[in-house]
């Protein structure tokens, strides 16, 4: 029996991003329906935008409802269990989001590669898949998206996506390249979280 690593990563990414949405919903004290909606936003949002930009015949979750089922179940479970994580929610949200970012970025890049798009577009599609769902989640929750903050976030996605493109260009098999690229994205994001790495923000010039 052949194990579809790509699909396994897709389901893990969906669950992790749904959890990040549920953590955000908990911070806003939403009801169970709100948990599901905010859980779905990062789980399917980035991939939906990617498919629309690529002109796909169907958005991915319309032909495979497992994405909806997994995200909804995770959100419902979180609604009843998230109270056990008092004091740890933001930390869990940050790391769950980082793992979801890593998984979805490389999956989005792989899909763009399968469509034989230009490498630059493949990297862009990977970044969009990994980051835009989280941005939708944060906008719904009236928070400044990670993507628009000075944190190393989109840059981590770009780094992982570029790593994937380089690895397959030198002949590494897809599964090995995906695992290394996912690790690259997560490590870059994780180091930024641990050490507080940020991009320099805009500083207005002081008038004399």
N, C-alpha and C. Protein backbone atom coordinates (compact mmCIF):
# COMPACT_ATOMS: atom_id res chain seq x y z
N UNK A 1 0.84 -1.19 0.00
CA UNK A 1 0.00 0.00 0.00
C UNK A 1 0.88 1.25 0.00
N UNK A 2 0.60 2.16 -0.91
CA UNK A 2 1.39 3.38 -1.01
C UNK A 2 0.83 4.44 -0.07
N UNK A 3 1.68 5.02 0.74
CA UNK A 3 1.27 6.08 1.65
C UNK A 3 1.39 7.42 0.95
N UNK A 4 0.29 8.17 0.91
CA UNK A 4 0.27 9.48 0.27
C UNK A 4 0.72 10.52 1.30
N UNK A 5 2.01 10.79 1.32
CA UNK A 5 2.57 11.74 2.29
C UNK A 5 1.96 13.11 2.11
N UNK A 6 1.75 13.51 0.86
CA UNK A 6 1.18 14.82 0.57
C UNK A 6 -0.19 14.97 1.24
N UNK A 7 -1.03 13.95 1.11
CA UNK A 7 -2.38 14.03 1.67
C UNK A 7 -2.34 14.00 3.20
N UNK A 8 -1.45 13.21 3.75
CA UNK A 8 -1.31 13.17 5.21
C UNK A 8 -0.91 14.55 5.74
N UNK A 9 0.06 15.18 5.07
CA UNK A 9 0.48 16.52 5.48
C UNK A 9 -0.67 17.51 5.33
N UNK A 10 -1.47 17.34 4.29
CA UNK A 10 -2.61 18.23 4.07
C UNK A 10 -3.60 18.14 5.23
N UNK A 11 -3.89 16.92 5.68
CA UNK A 11 -4.84 16.73 6.78
C UNK A 11 -4.26 17.25 8.11
N UNK A 12 -2.96 17.02 8.31
CA UNK A 12 -2.32 17.53 9.53
C UNK A 12 -2.35 19.06 9.52
N UNK A 13 -2.00 19.64 8.38
CA UNK A 13 -2.02 21.09 8.26
C UNK A 13 -3.41 21.66 8.49
N UNK A 14 -4.42 20.99 7.95
CA UNK A 14 -5.80 21.43 8.14
C UNK A 14 -6.18 21.42 9.61
N UNK A 15 -5.83 20.33 10.31
CA UNK A 15 -6.15 20.22 11.73
C UNK A 15 -5.42 21.27 12.55
N UNK A 16 -4.15 21.48 12.25
CA UNK A 16 -3.34 22.43 13.02
C UNK A 16 -3.84 23.86 12.80
N UNK A 17 -4.11 24.20 11.54
CA UNK A 17 -4.60 25.55 11.27
C UNK A 17 -6.00 25.76 11.85
N UNK A 18 -6.84 24.72 11.84
CA UNK A 18 -8.16 24.82 12.47
C UNK A 18 -8.01 25.06 13.97
N UNK A 19 -7.03 24.41 14.58
CA UNK A 19 -6.76 24.63 16.00
C UNK A 19 -6.33 26.07 16.25
N UNK A 20 -5.50 26.60 15.36
CA UNK A 20 -5.08 28.00 15.52
C UNK A 20 -6.28 28.93 15.43
N UNK A 21 -7.22 28.60 14.55
CA UNK A 21 -8.44 29.40 14.46
C UNK A 21 -9.28 29.29 15.71
N UNK A 22 -9.36 28.08 16.25
CA UNK A 22 -10.13 27.87 17.48
C UNK A 22 -9.51 28.63 18.65
N UNK A 23 -8.18 28.68 18.70
CA UNK A 23 -7.51 29.44 19.76
C UNK A 23 -7.85 30.93 19.65
N UNK A 24 -7.88 31.43 18.42
CA UNK A 24 -8.24 32.83 18.21
C UNK A 24 -9.70 33.07 18.59
N UNK A 25 -10.58 32.12 18.27
CA UNK A 25 -11.99 32.24 18.62
C UNK A 25 -12.17 32.24 20.13
N UNK A 26 -11.37 31.45 20.83
CA UNK A 26 -11.45 31.40 22.28
C UNK A 26 -11.07 32.74 22.89
N UNK A 27 -10.07 33.39 22.32
CA UNK A 27 -9.64 34.70 22.84
C UNK A 27 -10.75 35.73 22.68
N UNK A 28 -11.59 35.53 21.65
CA UNK A 28 -12.70 36.46 21.42
C UNK A 28 -14.00 35.99 22.08
N UNK A 29 -13.96 34.83 22.76
CA UNK A 29 -15.11 34.26 23.47
C UNK A 29 -16.31 34.09 22.54
N UNK A 30 -16.07 33.48 21.37
CA UNK A 30 -17.13 33.25 20.40
C UNK A 30 -17.93 32.00 20.76
N UNK A 31 -19.09 31.85 20.11
CA UNK A 31 -19.89 30.64 20.33
C UNK A 31 -19.36 29.51 19.44
N UNK A 32 -20.01 28.34 19.53
CA UNK A 32 -19.49 27.18 18.82
C UNK A 32 -19.49 27.38 17.30
N UNK A 33 -20.51 28.09 16.80
CA UNK A 33 -20.54 28.37 15.36
C UNK A 33 -19.38 29.28 14.98
N UNK A 34 -19.09 30.25 15.85
CA UNK A 34 -17.95 31.13 15.61
C UNK A 34 -16.65 30.35 15.60
N UNK A 35 -16.52 29.36 16.49
CA UNK A 35 -15.33 28.50 16.51
C UNK A 35 -15.16 27.80 15.16
N UNK A 36 -16.25 27.27 14.62
CA UNK A 36 -16.17 26.54 13.36
C UNK A 36 -15.77 27.47 12.22
N UNK A 37 -16.40 28.64 12.15
CA UNK A 37 -16.10 29.59 11.08
C UNK A 37 -14.66 30.06 11.16
N UNK A 38 -14.21 30.43 12.35
CA UNK A 38 -12.84 30.93 12.51
C UNK A 38 -11.84 29.79 12.35
N UNK A 39 -12.25 28.56 12.67
CA UNK A 39 -11.39 27.41 12.43
C UNK A 39 -11.24 27.11 10.95
N UNK A 40 -12.31 27.28 10.20
CA UNK A 40 -12.27 27.03 8.77
C UNK A 40 -11.45 28.09 8.03
N UNK A 41 -11.44 29.31 8.53
CA UNK A 41 -10.77 30.41 7.83
C UNK A 41 -9.30 30.10 7.52
N UNK A 42 -8.48 29.76 8.51
CA UNK A 42 -7.08 29.44 8.19
C UNK A 42 -6.92 28.08 7.53
N UNK A 43 -7.85 27.15 7.81
CA UNK A 43 -7.73 25.79 7.29
C UNK A 43 -7.95 25.73 5.78
N UNK A 44 -8.85 26.55 5.26
CA UNK A 44 -9.15 26.48 3.82
C UNK A 44 -8.99 27.82 3.10
N UNK A 45 -8.80 28.90 3.86
CA UNK A 45 -8.77 30.23 3.26
C UNK A 45 -7.63 30.45 2.27
N UNK A 46 -6.41 30.12 2.68
CA UNK A 46 -5.25 30.34 1.81
C UNK A 46 -5.31 29.50 0.55
N UNK A 47 -5.70 28.23 0.71
CA UNK A 47 -5.81 27.34 -0.45
C UNK A 47 -6.91 27.77 -1.40
N UNK A 48 -7.99 28.33 -0.84
CA UNK A 48 -9.08 28.82 -1.68
C UNK A 48 -8.60 29.98 -2.55
N UNK A 49 -7.90 30.92 -1.95
CA UNK A 49 -7.38 32.06 -2.72
C UNK A 49 -6.40 31.57 -3.78
N UNK A 50 -5.55 30.61 -3.42
CA UNK A 50 -4.59 30.05 -4.38
C UNK A 50 -5.31 29.45 -5.58
N UNK A 51 -6.32 28.64 -5.32
CA UNK A 51 -7.03 27.97 -6.42
C UNK A 51 -7.75 28.98 -7.30
N UNK A 52 -8.31 30.02 -6.69
CA UNK A 52 -8.99 31.04 -7.49
C UNK A 52 -7.99 31.79 -8.37
N UNK A 53 -6.83 32.10 -7.83
CA UNK A 53 -5.81 32.81 -8.61
C UNK A 53 -5.28 31.93 -9.74
N UNK A 54 -5.20 30.63 -9.50
CA UNK A 54 -4.68 29.71 -10.51
C UNK A 54 -5.75 29.29 -11.52
N UNK A 55 -6.98 29.72 -11.29
CA UNK A 55 -8.05 29.36 -12.22
C UNK A 55 -8.42 27.90 -12.19
N UNK A 56 -8.32 27.28 -11.01
CA UNK A 56 -8.67 25.86 -10.89
C UNK A 56 -10.15 25.65 -11.21
N UNK A 57 -10.46 24.50 -11.78
CA UNK A 57 -11.85 24.21 -12.13
C UNK A 57 -12.73 24.16 -10.89
N UNK A 58 -12.21 23.59 -9.81
CA UNK A 58 -12.91 23.55 -8.54
C UNK A 58 -11.93 23.92 -7.43
N UNK A 59 -12.42 24.63 -6.42
CA UNK A 59 -11.62 24.89 -5.23
C UNK A 59 -11.44 23.56 -4.51
N UNK A 60 -10.26 23.32 -3.94
CA UNK A 60 -9.87 21.99 -3.45
C UNK A 60 -10.87 21.36 -2.49
N UNK A 61 -11.43 22.13 -1.56
CA UNK A 61 -12.30 21.53 -0.56
C UNK A 61 -13.68 21.19 -1.11
N UNK A 62 -14.01 21.67 -2.30
CA UNK A 62 -15.29 21.33 -2.91
C UNK A 62 -15.29 19.92 -3.48
N UNK A 63 -14.11 19.39 -3.77
CA UNK A 63 -14.02 18.03 -4.29
C UNK A 63 -13.48 17.04 -3.26
N UNK A 64 -13.14 17.54 -2.09
CA UNK A 64 -12.71 16.66 -1.00
C UNK A 64 -13.17 17.28 0.31
N UNK A 65 -14.34 16.85 0.78
CA UNK A 65 -14.93 17.44 1.97
C UNK A 65 -14.20 17.07 3.25
N UNK A 66 -13.20 16.21 3.19
CA UNK A 66 -12.43 15.87 4.38
C UNK A 66 -11.80 17.10 5.01
N UNK A 67 -11.44 18.08 4.17
CA UNK A 67 -10.87 19.32 4.70
C UNK A 67 -11.88 20.03 5.61
N UNK A 68 -13.13 20.08 5.17
CA UNK A 68 -14.19 20.71 5.97
C UNK A 68 -14.46 19.89 7.22
N UNK A 69 -14.55 18.57 7.07
CA UNK A 69 -14.84 17.70 8.21
C UNK A 69 -13.76 17.81 9.29
N UNK A 70 -12.50 17.71 8.87
CA UNK A 70 -11.39 17.75 9.83
C UNK A 70 -11.36 19.08 10.57
N UNK A 71 -11.46 20.18 9.82
CA UNK A 71 -11.40 21.50 10.45
C UNK A 71 -12.57 21.71 11.40
N UNK A 72 -13.75 21.27 11.01
CA UNK A 72 -14.94 21.47 11.85
C UNK A 72 -14.86 20.64 13.13
N UNK A 73 -14.42 19.39 13.01
CA UNK A 73 -14.30 18.53 14.19
C UNK A 73 -13.29 19.09 15.18
N UNK A 74 -12.14 19.54 14.66
CA UNK A 74 -11.12 20.11 15.53
C UNK A 74 -11.67 21.35 16.25
N UNK A 75 -12.40 22.20 15.52
CA UNK A 75 -12.96 23.42 16.12
C UNK A 75 -13.98 23.07 17.20
N UNK A 76 -14.81 22.07 16.96
CA UNK A 76 -15.83 21.67 17.94
C UNK A 76 -15.17 21.09 19.19
N UNK A 77 -14.18 20.23 19.00
CA UNK A 77 -13.47 19.67 20.15
C UNK A 77 -12.80 20.78 20.96
N UNK A 78 -12.19 21.72 20.25
CA UNK A 78 -11.52 22.83 20.93
C UNK A 78 -12.51 23.65 21.74
N UNK A 79 -13.73 23.83 21.22
CA UNK A 79 -14.75 24.61 21.93
C UNK A 79 -15.00 24.04 23.32
N UNK A 80 -15.00 22.73 23.43
CA UNK A 80 -15.30 22.09 24.71
C UNK A 80 -14.06 21.84 25.58
N UNK A 81 -12.88 21.93 25.00
CA UNK A 81 -11.67 21.59 25.75
C UNK A 81 -10.69 22.74 25.92
N UNK A 82 -10.91 23.84 25.23
CA UNK A 82 -9.92 24.91 25.23
C UNK A 82 -9.75 25.55 26.62
N UNK A 83 -10.76 25.41 27.47
CA UNK A 83 -10.65 26.00 28.80
C UNK A 83 -9.52 25.38 29.61
N UNK A 84 -9.08 24.19 29.22
CA UNK A 84 -7.98 23.53 29.91
C UNK A 84 -6.64 24.21 29.62
N UNK A 85 -6.63 25.12 28.67
CA UNK A 85 -5.38 25.75 28.24
C UNK A 85 -5.27 27.20 28.69
N UNK A 86 -6.02 27.57 29.70
CA UNK A 86 -5.96 28.94 30.21
C UNK A 86 -4.51 29.34 30.51
N UNK A 87 -4.13 30.50 30.02
CA UNK A 87 -2.78 30.99 30.23
C UNK A 87 -1.79 30.53 29.19
N UNK A 88 -2.20 29.55 28.35
CA UNK A 88 -1.30 29.01 27.34
C UNK A 88 -1.84 29.20 25.93
N UNK A 89 -2.97 29.87 25.80
CA UNK A 89 -3.65 29.92 24.51
C UNK A 89 -2.83 30.65 23.45
N UNK A 90 -2.28 31.80 23.82
CA UNK A 90 -1.56 32.56 22.81
C UNK A 90 -0.30 31.82 22.37
N UNK A 91 0.37 31.18 23.31
CA UNK A 91 1.56 30.40 22.96
C UNK A 91 1.20 29.26 22.02
N UNK A 92 0.12 28.56 22.34
CA UNK A 92 -0.31 27.46 21.48
C UNK A 92 -0.73 27.97 20.12
N UNK A 93 -1.45 29.09 20.09
CA UNK A 93 -1.86 29.70 18.83
C UNK A 93 -0.65 30.01 17.96
N UNK A 94 0.37 30.58 18.55
CA UNK A 94 1.56 30.98 17.80
C UNK A 94 2.26 29.78 17.19
N UNK A 95 2.43 28.72 17.99
CA UNK A 95 3.14 27.54 17.48
C UNK A 95 2.28 26.72 16.53
N UNK A 96 0.98 26.61 16.81
CA UNK A 96 0.09 25.91 15.89
C UNK A 96 0.05 26.63 14.54
N UNK A 97 0.01 27.95 14.60
CA UNK A 97 0.02 28.74 13.37
C UNK A 97 1.33 28.53 12.62
N UNK A 98 2.45 28.45 13.35
CA UNK A 98 3.74 28.23 12.71
C UNK A 98 3.82 26.89 11.99
N UNK A 99 3.28 25.85 12.62
CA UNK A 99 3.29 24.53 11.99
C UNK A 99 2.36 24.51 10.78
N UNK A 100 1.18 25.11 10.93
CA UNK A 100 0.26 25.20 9.79
C UNK A 100 0.88 25.97 8.64
N UNK A 101 1.57 27.05 8.97
CA UNK A 101 2.26 27.85 7.95
C UNK A 101 3.24 26.98 7.17
N UNK A 102 4.03 26.20 7.89
CA UNK A 102 5.05 25.36 7.24
C UNK A 102 4.42 24.32 6.32
N UNK A 103 3.40 23.64 6.82
CA UNK A 103 2.77 22.57 6.03
C UNK A 103 2.05 23.12 4.81
N UNK A 104 1.26 24.18 4.99
CA UNK A 104 0.46 24.69 3.89
C UNK A 104 1.31 25.41 2.84
N UNK A 105 2.39 26.05 3.28
CA UNK A 105 3.26 26.73 2.32
C UNK A 105 3.83 25.76 1.31
N UNK A 106 4.34 24.65 1.80
CA UNK A 106 4.98 23.69 0.89
C UNK A 106 3.94 22.95 0.06
N UNK A 107 2.77 22.69 0.62
CA UNK A 107 1.72 22.07 -0.18
C UNK A 107 1.29 22.99 -1.32
N UNK A 108 1.15 24.28 -1.01
CA UNK A 108 0.78 25.24 -2.05
C UNK A 108 1.83 25.34 -3.13
N UNK A 109 3.09 25.29 -2.72
CA UNK A 109 4.18 25.33 -3.69
C UNK A 109 4.14 24.11 -4.60
N UNK A 110 3.92 22.93 -4.00
CA UNK A 110 3.86 21.69 -4.75
C UNK A 110 2.73 21.72 -5.78
N UNK A 111 1.58 22.21 -5.38
CA UNK A 111 0.44 22.29 -6.30
C UNK A 111 0.76 23.19 -7.48
N UNK A 112 1.41 24.32 -7.22
CA UNK A 112 1.79 25.23 -8.29
C UNK A 112 2.82 24.59 -9.22
N UNK A 113 3.74 23.82 -8.64
CA UNK A 113 4.73 23.09 -9.46
C UNK A 113 4.03 22.09 -10.37
N UNK A 114 3.03 21.40 -9.82
CA UNK A 114 2.27 20.43 -10.61
C UNK A 114 1.57 21.09 -11.79
N UNK A 115 1.23 22.36 -11.64
CA UNK A 115 0.59 23.11 -12.72
C UNK A 115 1.62 23.73 -13.67
N UNK A 116 2.89 23.41 -13.43
CA UNK A 116 3.99 23.86 -14.30
C UNK A 116 4.05 25.38 -14.43
N UNK A 117 3.87 26.05 -13.30
CA UNK A 117 3.97 27.50 -13.29
C UNK A 117 5.43 27.93 -13.10
N UNK A 118 5.70 29.20 -13.40
CA UNK A 118 7.04 29.74 -13.24
C UNK A 118 7.47 29.61 -11.77
N UNK A 119 8.76 29.34 -11.51
CA UNK A 119 9.22 29.18 -10.12
C UNK A 119 8.86 30.34 -9.21
N UNK A 120 8.92 31.55 -9.71
CA UNK A 120 8.55 32.71 -8.88
C UNK A 120 7.08 32.65 -8.49
N UNK A 121 6.22 32.24 -9.42
CA UNK A 121 4.80 32.11 -9.13
C UNK A 121 4.56 30.96 -8.16
N UNK A 122 5.33 29.89 -8.30
CA UNK A 122 5.21 28.76 -7.37
C UNK A 122 5.50 29.20 -5.94
N UNK A 123 6.55 30.00 -5.77
CA UNK A 123 6.89 30.51 -4.44
C UNK A 123 5.77 31.41 -3.93
N UNK A 124 5.24 32.26 -4.81
CA UNK A 124 4.15 33.16 -4.41
C UNK A 124 2.91 32.37 -4.00
N UNK A 125 2.58 31.32 -4.76
CA UNK A 125 1.41 30.50 -4.43
C UNK A 125 1.61 29.79 -3.10
N UNK A 126 2.84 29.36 -2.83
CA UNK A 126 3.13 28.74 -1.55
C UNK A 126 2.95 29.71 -0.40
N UNK A 127 3.45 30.91 -0.57
CA UNK A 127 3.32 31.93 0.48
C UNK A 127 1.86 32.29 0.72
N UNK A 128 1.10 32.43 -0.37
CA UNK A 128 -0.32 32.76 -0.24
C UNK A 128 -1.07 31.64 0.47
N UNK A 129 -0.80 30.40 0.10
CA UNK A 129 -1.46 29.25 0.73
C UNK A 129 -1.18 29.21 2.23
N UNK A 130 0.07 29.51 2.59
CA UNK A 130 0.46 29.42 3.99
C UNK A 130 0.04 30.59 4.86
N UNK A 131 -0.12 31.77 4.27
CA UNK A 131 -0.32 32.97 5.10
C UNK A 131 -1.69 33.61 5.01
N UNK A 132 -2.36 33.47 3.87
CA UNK A 132 -3.59 34.25 3.69
C UNK A 132 -4.76 33.71 4.52
N UNK A 133 -4.78 32.41 4.79
CA UNK A 133 -5.83 31.88 5.65
C UNK A 133 -5.74 32.44 7.06
N UNK A 134 -4.51 32.51 7.56
CA UNK A 134 -4.31 33.10 8.89
C UNK A 134 -4.68 34.57 8.91
N UNK A 135 -4.43 35.25 7.80
CA UNK A 135 -4.79 36.67 7.73
C UNK A 135 -6.32 36.82 7.80
N UNK A 136 -7.04 35.96 7.09
CA UNK A 136 -8.51 36.00 7.15
C UNK A 136 -8.98 35.74 8.58
N UNK A 137 -8.38 34.76 9.25
CA UNK A 137 -8.72 34.45 10.65
C UNK A 137 -8.55 35.67 11.54
N UNK A 138 -7.41 36.34 11.41
CA UNK A 138 -7.12 37.48 12.27
C UNK A 138 -8.03 38.66 11.97
N UNK A 139 -8.37 38.86 10.70
CA UNK A 139 -9.29 39.95 10.34
C UNK A 139 -10.66 39.70 10.94
N UNK A 140 -11.14 38.44 10.86
CA UNK A 140 -12.44 38.10 11.45
C UNK A 140 -12.44 38.39 12.95
N UNK A 141 -11.30 38.11 13.59
CA UNK A 141 -11.19 38.31 15.05
C UNK A 141 -10.74 39.72 15.41
N UNK A 142 -10.71 40.61 14.41
CA UNK A 142 -10.36 42.01 14.64
C UNK A 142 -8.98 42.17 15.27
N UNK A 143 -8.02 41.38 14.78
CA UNK A 143 -6.64 41.45 15.23
C UNK A 143 -5.73 41.78 14.05
N UNK A 144 -4.59 42.38 14.34
CA UNK A 144 -3.63 42.66 13.28
C UNK A 144 -3.03 41.34 12.80
N UNK A 145 -3.16 41.00 11.52
CA UNK A 145 -2.65 39.71 11.04
C UNK A 145 -1.15 39.57 11.23
N UNK A 146 -0.70 38.34 11.52
CA UNK A 146 0.73 38.07 11.61
C UNK A 146 1.45 38.55 10.34
N UNK A 147 0.78 38.35 9.20
CA UNK A 147 1.37 38.69 7.92
C UNK A 147 1.76 40.15 7.83
N UNK A 148 0.99 41.02 8.51
CA UNK A 148 1.22 42.46 8.40
C UNK A 148 2.03 43.02 9.56
N UNK A 149 2.42 42.15 10.49
CA UNK A 149 3.25 42.60 11.59
C UNK A 149 4.72 42.51 11.20
N UNK A 150 5.58 43.01 12.05
CA UNK A 150 7.00 43.03 11.75
C UNK A 150 7.67 41.67 12.03
N UNK A 151 6.88 40.70 12.52
CA UNK A 151 7.44 39.38 12.81
C UNK A 151 7.90 38.68 11.53
N UNK A 152 8.88 37.78 11.69
CA UNK A 152 9.32 36.95 10.56
C UNK A 152 8.24 35.90 10.32
N UNK A 153 7.40 36.13 9.34
CA UNK A 153 6.26 35.25 9.08
C UNK A 153 6.18 34.89 7.60
N UNK A 154 5.82 35.85 6.77
CA UNK A 154 5.80 35.61 5.32
C UNK A 154 7.19 35.25 4.83
N UNK A 155 8.21 35.84 5.44
CA UNK A 155 9.59 35.54 5.04
C UNK A 155 9.94 34.08 5.31
N UNK A 156 9.40 33.51 6.39
CA UNK A 156 9.62 32.09 6.68
C UNK A 156 8.98 31.23 5.60
N UNK A 157 7.78 31.62 5.16
CA UNK A 157 7.10 30.89 4.10
C UNK A 157 7.90 30.96 2.80
N UNK A 158 8.39 32.12 2.48
CA UNK A 158 9.18 32.29 1.25
C UNK A 158 10.46 31.46 1.32
N UNK A 159 11.10 31.44 2.49
CA UNK A 159 12.33 30.66 2.66
C UNK A 159 12.07 29.18 2.43
N UNK A 160 11.01 28.66 3.02
CA UNK A 160 10.68 27.25 2.85
C UNK A 160 10.30 26.91 1.42
N UNK A 161 9.53 27.78 0.80
CA UNK A 161 9.12 27.56 -0.58
C UNK A 161 10.32 27.57 -1.52
N UNK A 162 11.22 28.52 -1.32
CA UNK A 162 12.44 28.57 -2.14
C UNK A 162 13.29 27.32 -1.92
N UNK A 163 13.36 26.86 -0.67
CA UNK A 163 14.12 25.64 -0.39
C UNK A 163 13.54 24.46 -1.15
N UNK A 164 12.23 24.38 -1.20
CA UNK A 164 11.59 23.29 -1.92
C UNK A 164 11.92 23.35 -3.42
N UNK A 165 11.86 24.54 -3.99
CA UNK A 165 12.14 24.70 -5.42
C UNK A 165 13.59 24.31 -5.73
N UNK A 166 14.50 24.67 -4.85
CA UNK A 166 15.91 24.32 -5.06
C UNK A 166 16.11 22.81 -4.95
N UNK A 167 15.48 22.20 -3.96
CA UNK A 167 15.65 20.77 -3.73
C UNK A 167 15.14 19.92 -4.90
N UNK A 168 13.97 20.30 -5.43
CA UNK A 168 13.47 19.50 -6.56
C UNK A 168 14.27 19.81 -7.83
N UNK A 169 14.86 21.02 -7.91
CA UNK A 169 15.67 21.37 -9.08
C UNK A 169 16.96 20.55 -9.13
N UNK A 170 17.47 20.19 -7.94
CA UNK A 170 18.71 19.40 -7.91
C UNK A 170 18.42 17.90 -7.93
N UNK A 171 17.13 17.53 -8.06
CA UNK A 171 16.79 16.14 -8.27
C UNK A 171 16.33 15.36 -7.05
N UNK A 172 16.12 16.02 -5.91
CA UNK A 172 15.64 15.29 -4.74
C UNK A 172 14.18 14.90 -4.96
N UNK A 173 13.81 13.71 -4.54
CA UNK A 173 12.43 13.25 -4.73
C UNK A 173 11.46 14.15 -3.98
N UNK A 174 10.22 14.20 -4.48
CA UNK A 174 9.23 15.14 -3.96
C UNK A 174 9.00 15.01 -2.45
N UNK A 175 8.86 13.76 -1.96
CA UNK A 175 8.56 13.58 -0.55
C UNK A 175 9.69 14.06 0.34
N UNK A 176 10.92 13.73 -0.04
CA UNK A 176 12.07 14.21 0.74
C UNK A 176 12.18 15.71 0.71
N UNK A 177 11.96 16.30 -0.46
CA UNK A 177 12.03 17.75 -0.59
C UNK A 177 10.96 18.43 0.25
N UNK A 178 9.76 17.84 0.27
CA UNK A 178 8.67 18.42 1.05
C UNK A 178 9.00 18.42 2.54
N UNK A 179 9.52 17.30 3.03
CA UNK A 179 9.82 17.19 4.46
C UNK A 179 10.89 18.20 4.87
N UNK A 180 11.94 18.31 4.06
CA UNK A 180 13.02 19.26 4.37
C UNK A 180 12.51 20.69 4.30
N UNK A 181 11.69 20.98 3.29
CA UNK A 181 11.19 22.34 3.11
C UNK A 181 10.21 22.72 4.23
N UNK A 182 9.36 21.77 4.64
CA UNK A 182 8.47 22.03 5.77
C UNK A 182 9.29 22.33 7.02
N UNK A 183 10.32 21.53 7.25
CA UNK A 183 11.19 21.75 8.41
C UNK A 183 11.87 23.12 8.33
N UNK A 184 12.30 23.50 7.14
CA UNK A 184 12.96 24.80 6.97
C UNK A 184 12.02 25.94 7.35
N UNK A 185 10.80 25.88 6.84
CA UNK A 185 9.82 26.93 7.15
C UNK A 185 9.54 27.00 8.64
N UNK A 186 9.32 25.84 9.25
CA UNK A 186 8.98 25.81 10.67
C UNK A 186 10.15 26.27 11.54
N UNK A 187 11.36 25.88 11.16
CA UNK A 187 12.54 26.28 11.94
C UNK A 187 12.74 27.79 11.87
N UNK A 188 12.61 28.36 10.67
CA UNK A 188 12.78 29.82 10.53
C UNK A 188 11.73 30.54 11.36
N UNK A 189 10.47 30.09 11.26
CA UNK A 189 9.40 30.71 12.04
C UNK A 189 9.62 30.48 13.53
N UNK A 190 10.02 29.26 13.90
CA UNK A 190 10.25 28.95 15.31
C UNK A 190 11.36 29.77 15.92
N UNK A 191 12.45 29.93 15.20
CA UNK A 191 13.55 30.76 15.70
C UNK A 191 13.11 32.21 15.88
N UNK A 192 12.27 32.67 14.96
CA UNK A 192 11.77 34.04 15.08
C UNK A 192 10.90 34.19 16.33
N UNK A 193 10.11 33.16 16.63
CA UNK A 193 9.27 33.20 17.83
C UNK A 193 10.12 33.18 19.09
N UNK A 194 11.09 32.26 19.13
CA UNK A 194 11.91 32.08 20.34
C UNK A 194 12.80 33.29 20.61
N UNK A 195 13.44 33.80 19.55
CA UNK A 195 14.41 34.89 19.73
C UNK A 195 13.84 36.27 19.42
N UNK A 196 12.58 36.33 19.06
CA UNK A 196 11.95 37.62 18.81
C UNK A 196 12.47 38.33 17.58
N UNK A 197 12.89 37.55 16.57
CA UNK A 197 13.39 38.16 15.34
C UNK A 197 12.26 38.89 14.63
N UNK A 198 12.55 40.06 14.16
CA UNK A 198 11.56 40.85 13.42
C UNK A 198 12.23 41.57 12.27
N UNK A 199 11.42 41.98 11.33
CA UNK A 199 11.90 42.88 10.29
C UNK A 199 11.85 44.30 10.83
N UNK A 200 12.75 45.17 10.40
CA UNK A 200 12.75 46.55 10.91
C UNK A 200 11.48 47.28 10.48
N UNK A 201 10.74 47.85 11.42
CA UNK A 201 9.52 48.57 11.07
C UNK A 201 9.84 49.97 10.54
N UNK A 202 8.86 50.57 9.93
CA UNK A 202 9.02 51.94 9.44
C UNK A 202 9.14 52.91 10.62
N UNK A 203 10.10 53.79 10.54
CA UNK A 203 10.28 54.83 11.56
C UNK A 203 10.18 56.18 10.89
N UNK A 204 9.19 56.99 11.24
CA UNK A 204 9.08 58.32 10.61
C UNK A 204 10.28 59.18 10.99
N UNK A 205 10.77 59.95 10.02
CA UNK A 205 11.90 60.84 10.28
C UNK A 205 11.47 61.98 11.19
N UNK A 206 12.31 62.23 12.17
CA UNK A 206 11.99 63.34 13.07
C UNK A 206 12.34 64.65 12.40
N UNK A 207 11.45 65.60 12.57
CA UNK A 207 11.71 66.92 12.00
C UNK A 207 12.69 67.68 12.86
N UNK A 208 13.55 68.44 12.20
CA UNK A 208 14.53 69.24 12.94
C UNK A 208 13.84 70.38 13.68
